[in-house]
């Protein structure tokens, strides 16, 4: 089985890829879902709470798609003043346990207010977590978290009877694809080590997906809508969807 996932940040996020697209991440998520839907592929998208606040109508239209599952991705991807302060003071933008709990609650409430859906899945922005994260997520009704990158795990890891972790066991895109400012001549050469072209990345993903599926596992792919757009206008993403359609697709919440 294949689980196709992506992270969607707010219009005001202004990440490293933002200058390279005229569309917001929420708008690109619509294009992304349209492509995946054309090939009958389920998609799990993790939204920041602020993305829902800033573009509620488009987020609602995505939530209404039969093949799209909504998840949480922190409230503002640590772009709020408190998170910046906590990063300096505590070494993590999560800061105090109380701050992390409020952020989780605020994210869940924002998504529910816009979509009418009570989310059960979560991915921390930047995979940032603390020893309290899973406990806090579970206390807020989250049942599945997917923020561990691991090439050795091929299925869900049950943390307890009602809470499980779904590893991203396929090479994530943003950290490994040559795109945006991560191109030769646009940044320091050392920042491009181990990065590959979008076509090379897609080939690596296909090989890994095939291997995991043939072994009976679930291949969890992280492909950001913005990254896919900046790399080549989602051309290779569509090629990847054409490949994935041969396998059953599942949402994060369905991985067992």
Protein backbone atom coordinates (compact mmCIF):
# COMPACT_ATOMS: atom_id res chain seq x y z
CA UNK A 1 0.00 0.00 0.00
CA UNK A 2 1.01 3.62 -0.53
CA UNK A 3 0.25 6.61 1.68
CA UNK A 4 0.77 9.90 -0.19
CA UNK A 5 1.18 12.88 2.13
CA UNK A 6 2.01 16.58 1.95
CA UNK A 7 2.40 19.56 4.28
CA UNK A 8 0.61 22.86 3.64
CA UNK A 9 1.66 26.12 5.28
CA UNK A 10 -0.08 29.48 5.55
CA UNK A 11 0.13 32.29 3.00
CA UNK A 12 2.13 34.40 5.48
CA UNK A 13 4.66 31.64 6.20
CA UNK A 14 7.25 32.91 3.70
CA UNK A 15 9.42 29.79 3.57
CA UNK A 16 12.46 29.17 1.39
CA UNK A 17 10.33 28.06 -1.57
CA UNK A 18 7.67 30.79 -1.32
CA UNK A 19 9.42 33.31 -3.62
CA UNK A 20 9.50 30.77 -6.42
CA UNK A 21 5.72 30.39 -6.83
CA UNK A 22 2.99 32.91 -7.61
CA UNK A 23 0.42 30.68 -5.89
CA UNK A 24 -0.04 29.97 -2.20
CA UNK A 25 0.54 26.52 -0.74
CA UNK A 26 -3.20 26.13 -0.18
CA UNK A 27 -3.90 26.94 -3.83
CA UNK A 28 -1.21 24.49 -4.92
CA UNK A 29 -2.73 21.84 -2.66
CA UNK A 30 -5.83 22.03 -4.86
CA UNK A 31 -3.76 21.36 -8.00
CA UNK A 32 -1.96 18.56 -6.16
CA UNK A 33 -5.23 16.92 -5.12
CA UNK A 34 -6.66 17.26 -8.62
CA UNK A 35 -3.68 15.36 -10.04
CA UNK A 36 -3.82 12.65 -7.38
CA UNK A 37 -7.58 12.35 -7.80
CA UNK A 38 -7.19 11.82 -11.54
CA UNK A 39 -5.35 8.59 -10.74
CA UNK A 40 -7.64 7.51 -7.90
CA UNK A 41 -5.04 8.14 -5.19
CA UNK A 42 -5.94 9.06 -1.63
CA UNK A 43 -4.04 11.99 -0.12
CA UNK A 44 -3.38 13.08 3.46
CA UNK A 45 -2.52 16.78 3.77
CA UNK A 46 -1.27 18.32 7.02
CA UNK A 47 -2.37 21.96 7.38
CA UNK A 48 -1.23 24.67 9.74
CA UNK A 49 -4.07 26.22 11.68
CA UNK A 50 -3.16 29.62 10.28
CA UNK A 51 -3.50 28.35 6.70
CA UNK A 52 -7.13 27.62 7.54
CA UNK A 53 -7.56 31.09 9.01
CA UNK A 54 -6.02 32.86 6.02
CA UNK A 55 -7.64 30.86 3.18
CA UNK A 56 -10.75 29.26 4.67
CA UNK A 57 -12.78 28.83 1.48
CA UNK A 58 -10.06 26.95 -0.40
CA UNK A 59 -9.21 24.82 2.64
CA UNK A 60 -12.90 23.95 3.00
CA UNK A 61 -13.07 22.92 -0.67
CA UNK A 62 -10.10 20.61 -0.12
CA UNK A 63 -11.66 19.09 2.99
CA UNK A 64 -14.78 18.35 0.95
CA UNK A 65 -12.85 16.22 -1.55
CA UNK A 66 -13.64 12.54 -1.10
CA UNK A 67 -10.01 11.48 -1.54
CA UNK A 68 -8.41 14.09 0.76
CA UNK A 69 -7.77 13.59 4.48
CA UNK A 70 -6.95 16.58 6.70
CA UNK A 71 -4.29 16.56 9.41
CA UNK A 72 -2.64 19.14 11.68
CA UNK A 73 0.80 20.70 11.14
CA UNK A 74 1.12 23.07 14.14
CA UNK A 75 -0.69 26.40 14.23
CA UNK A 76 1.82 28.64 12.46
CA UNK A 77 4.84 26.41 11.72
CA UNK A 78 6.68 28.19 14.57
CA UNK A 79 6.40 31.58 12.86
CA UNK A 80 4.74 33.12 15.93
CA UNK A 81 6.70 35.39 18.33
CA UNK A 82 6.52 33.00 21.31
CA UNK A 83 7.98 30.11 19.33
CA UNK A 84 10.91 32.28 18.24
CA UNK A 85 11.57 33.31 21.83
CA UNK A 86 11.27 29.74 23.10
CA UNK A 87 13.73 28.56 20.44
CA UNK A 88 16.35 30.90 21.88
CA UNK A 89 15.54 30.19 25.53
CA UNK A 90 14.79 26.45 25.49
CA UNK A 91 16.46 25.33 22.29
CA UNK A 92 13.10 24.22 20.84
CA UNK A 93 10.27 26.34 19.44
CA UNK A 94 7.83 24.21 21.42
CA UNK A 95 9.14 25.81 24.60
CA UNK A 96 6.96 24.91 27.57
CA UNK A 97 4.52 22.03 27.77
CA UNK A 98 1.68 24.53 28.22
CA UNK A 99 2.65 26.38 25.03
CA UNK A 100 2.82 23.15 23.03
CA UNK A 101 -0.59 22.07 24.30
CA UNK A 102 -2.15 25.43 23.39
CA UNK A 103 -0.65 25.25 19.90
CA UNK A 104 -2.05 21.75 19.33
CA UNK A 105 -5.48 22.75 20.63
CA UNK A 106 -5.53 25.94 18.56
CA UNK A 107 -4.57 24.04 15.41
CA UNK A 108 -7.28 21.41 15.91
CA UNK A 109 -9.90 24.08 16.63
CA UNK A 110 -8.94 26.17 13.58
CA UNK A 111 -9.22 23.21 11.22
CA UNK A 112 -12.53 22.14 12.72
CA UNK A 113 -13.95 25.65 12.53
CA UNK A 114 -13.20 25.90 8.81
CA UNK A 115 -13.86 22.32 7.67
CA UNK A 116 -16.29 20.96 10.25
CA UNK A 117 -13.91 18.03 10.70
CA UNK A 118 -12.27 16.87 13.93
CA UNK A 119 -8.81 15.75 12.84
CA UNK A 120 -7.11 12.62 14.15
CA UNK A 121 -3.76 12.85 12.34
CA UNK A 122 -0.74 15.07 12.89
CA UNK A 123 2.73 15.91 11.59
CA UNK A 124 4.98 18.31 13.44
CA UNK A 125 6.50 21.08 11.35
CA UNK A 126 10.13 20.29 10.68
CA UNK A 127 9.58 16.99 12.52
CA UNK A 128 10.19 18.97 15.74
CA UNK A 129 9.03 17.14 18.86
CA UNK A 130 9.67 16.88 22.58
CA UNK A 131 9.28 14.02 25.04
CA UNK A 132 5.77 15.37 25.78
CA UNK A 133 4.53 15.60 22.17
CA UNK A 134 2.86 12.21 21.76
CA UNK A 135 1.19 12.42 25.16
CA UNK A 136 -0.16 15.90 24.42
CA UNK A 137 -1.38 14.93 20.96
CA UNK A 138 -3.18 11.89 22.32
CA UNK A 139 -4.80 13.96 25.08
CA UNK A 140 -6.24 16.20 22.35
CA UNK A 141 -7.78 13.34 20.38
CA UNK A 142 -4.98 12.76 17.86
CA UNK A 143 -4.58 9.06 17.14
CA UNK A 144 -1.87 9.01 14.45
CA UNK A 145 1.39 10.96 14.15
CA UNK A 146 3.72 10.90 11.16
CA UNK A 147 6.91 12.83 11.78
CA UNK A 148 9.64 10.20 11.93
CA UNK A 149 11.87 9.71 8.89
CA UNK A 150 13.05 6.10 8.78
CA UNK A 151 14.20 3.88 5.94
CA UNK A 152 14.11 0.78 8.14
CA UNK A 153 10.42 0.73 9.08
CA UNK A 154 7.73 -0.44 6.68
CA UNK A 155 4.57 -0.25 8.76
CA UNK A 156 2.90 1.52 11.66
CA UNK A 157 4.46 1.48 15.11
CA UNK A 158 1.93 1.25 17.91
CA UNK A 159 2.94 3.52 20.80
CA UNK A 160 0.04 2.21 22.88
CA UNK A 161 -3.36 0.61 22.26
CA UNK A 162 -4.85 3.74 20.68
CA UNK A 163 -1.93 5.81 19.37
CA UNK A 164 0.41 4.94 16.52
CA UNK A 165 3.31 6.42 14.58
CA UNK A 166 3.53 6.18 10.79
CA UNK A 167 7.13 6.63 9.61
CA UNK A 168 8.01 8.45 6.40
CA UNK A 169 9.98 5.56 4.95
CA UNK A 170 10.45 7.03 1.47
CA UNK A 171 12.99 9.80 0.73
CA UNK A 172 11.27 13.15 1.60
CA UNK A 173 11.35 15.77 -1.12
CA UNK A 174 12.21 19.14 0.42
CA UNK A 175 15.49 18.10 2.01
CA UNK A 176 16.73 16.13 -1.01
CA UNK A 177 15.49 17.68 -4.26
CA UNK A 178 17.33 20.37 -6.22
CA UNK A 179 14.73 23.15 -6.45
CA UNK A 180 14.10 26.80 -5.63
CA UNK A 181 17.15 28.32 -3.97
CA UNK A 182 18.70 24.87 -3.64
CA UNK A 183 20.19 24.97 -7.12
CA UNK A 184 23.72 25.22 -8.46
CA UNK A 185 24.76 28.87 -8.57
CA UNK A 186 22.05 29.98 -6.13
CA UNK A 187 23.54 28.80 -2.85
CA UNK A 188 26.77 27.46 -1.37
CA UNK A 189 27.90 24.16 -2.96
CA UNK A 190 28.03 22.41 0.43
CA UNK A 191 24.28 23.00 0.83
CA UNK A 192 23.66 20.93 -2.29
CA UNK A 193 25.44 17.79 -1.14
CA UNK A 194 23.25 14.69 -1.40
CA UNK A 195 20.56 16.62 -3.32
CA UNK A 196 19.23 15.15 -6.57
CA UNK A 197 17.13 16.32 -9.50
CA UNK A 198 13.36 15.94 -9.30
CA UNK A 199 13.56 13.14 -11.90
CA UNK A 200 16.24 11.31 -9.90
CA UNK A 201 14.19 11.74 -6.73
CA UNK A 202 11.09 10.32 -8.42
CA UNK A 203 13.08 7.27 -9.57
CA UNK A 204 14.35 6.71 -6.02
CA UNK A 205 10.81 7.02 -4.69
CA UNK A 206 9.46 4.54 -7.22
CA UNK A 207 12.15 2.00 -6.36
CA UNK A 208 11.52 2.36 -2.65
CA UNK A 209 7.72 2.23 -3.02
CA UNK A 210 7.97 -0.90 -5.14
CA UNK A 211 10.21 -2.61 -2.60
CA UNK A 212 8.02 -1.77 0.39
CA UNK A 213 4.80 -2.77 -1.35
CA UNK A 214 6.24 -6.05 -2.57
CA UNK A 215 7.29 -6.86 1.00
CA UNK A 216 3.75 -6.23 2.26
CA UNK A 217 4.46 -2.91 3.97
CA UNK A 218 3.04 0.60 3.55
CA UNK A 219 5.17 3.15 1.71
CA UNK A 220 4.62 6.63 3.17
CA UNK A 221 5.64 9.38 0.75
CA UNK A 222 6.17 13.03 1.69
CA UNK A 223 5.78 15.26 -1.35
CA UNK A 224 4.98 18.91 -0.58
CA UNK A 225 2.63 20.66 -3.03
CA UNK A 226 4.91 23.72 -3.07
CA UNK A 227 8.09 21.71 -3.55
CA UNK A 228 6.54 19.71 -6.39
CA UNK A 229 5.42 22.93 -8.08
CA UNK A 230 8.73 24.76 -7.70
CA UNK A 231 10.74 21.77 -8.91
CA UNK A 232 9.00 21.41 -12.29
CA UNK A 233 5.38 22.56 -12.16
CA UNK A 234 4.24 19.18 -10.74
CA UNK A 235 5.15 17.36 -13.96
CA UNK A 236 7.14 14.70 -12.17
CA UNK A 237 4.54 14.54 -9.39
CA UNK A 238 1.95 13.51 -11.98
CA UNK A 239 4.38 10.93 -13.33
CA UNK A 240 4.76 9.62 -9.79
CA UNK A 241 0.98 9.43 -9.35
CA UNK A 242 0.73 7.43 -12.58
CA UNK A 243 3.18 4.97 -11.05
CA UNK A 244 1.51 4.84 -7.63
CA UNK A 245 -1.93 4.07 -9.05
CA UNK A 246 -0.94 0.43 -9.52
CA UNK A 247 -0.93 0.01 -5.72
CA UNK A 248 -3.77 0.47 -3.22
CA UNK A 249 -3.58 3.92 -1.61
CA UNK A 250 -4.56 4.70 1.96
CA UNK A 251 -4.85 7.71 4.24
CA UNK A 252 -2.51 8.06 7.21
CA UNK A 253 -5.45 7.24 9.49
CA UNK A 254 -5.91 3.90 7.71
CA UNK A 255 -2.36 2.60 8.10
CA UNK A 256 -2.21 -0.32 10.50
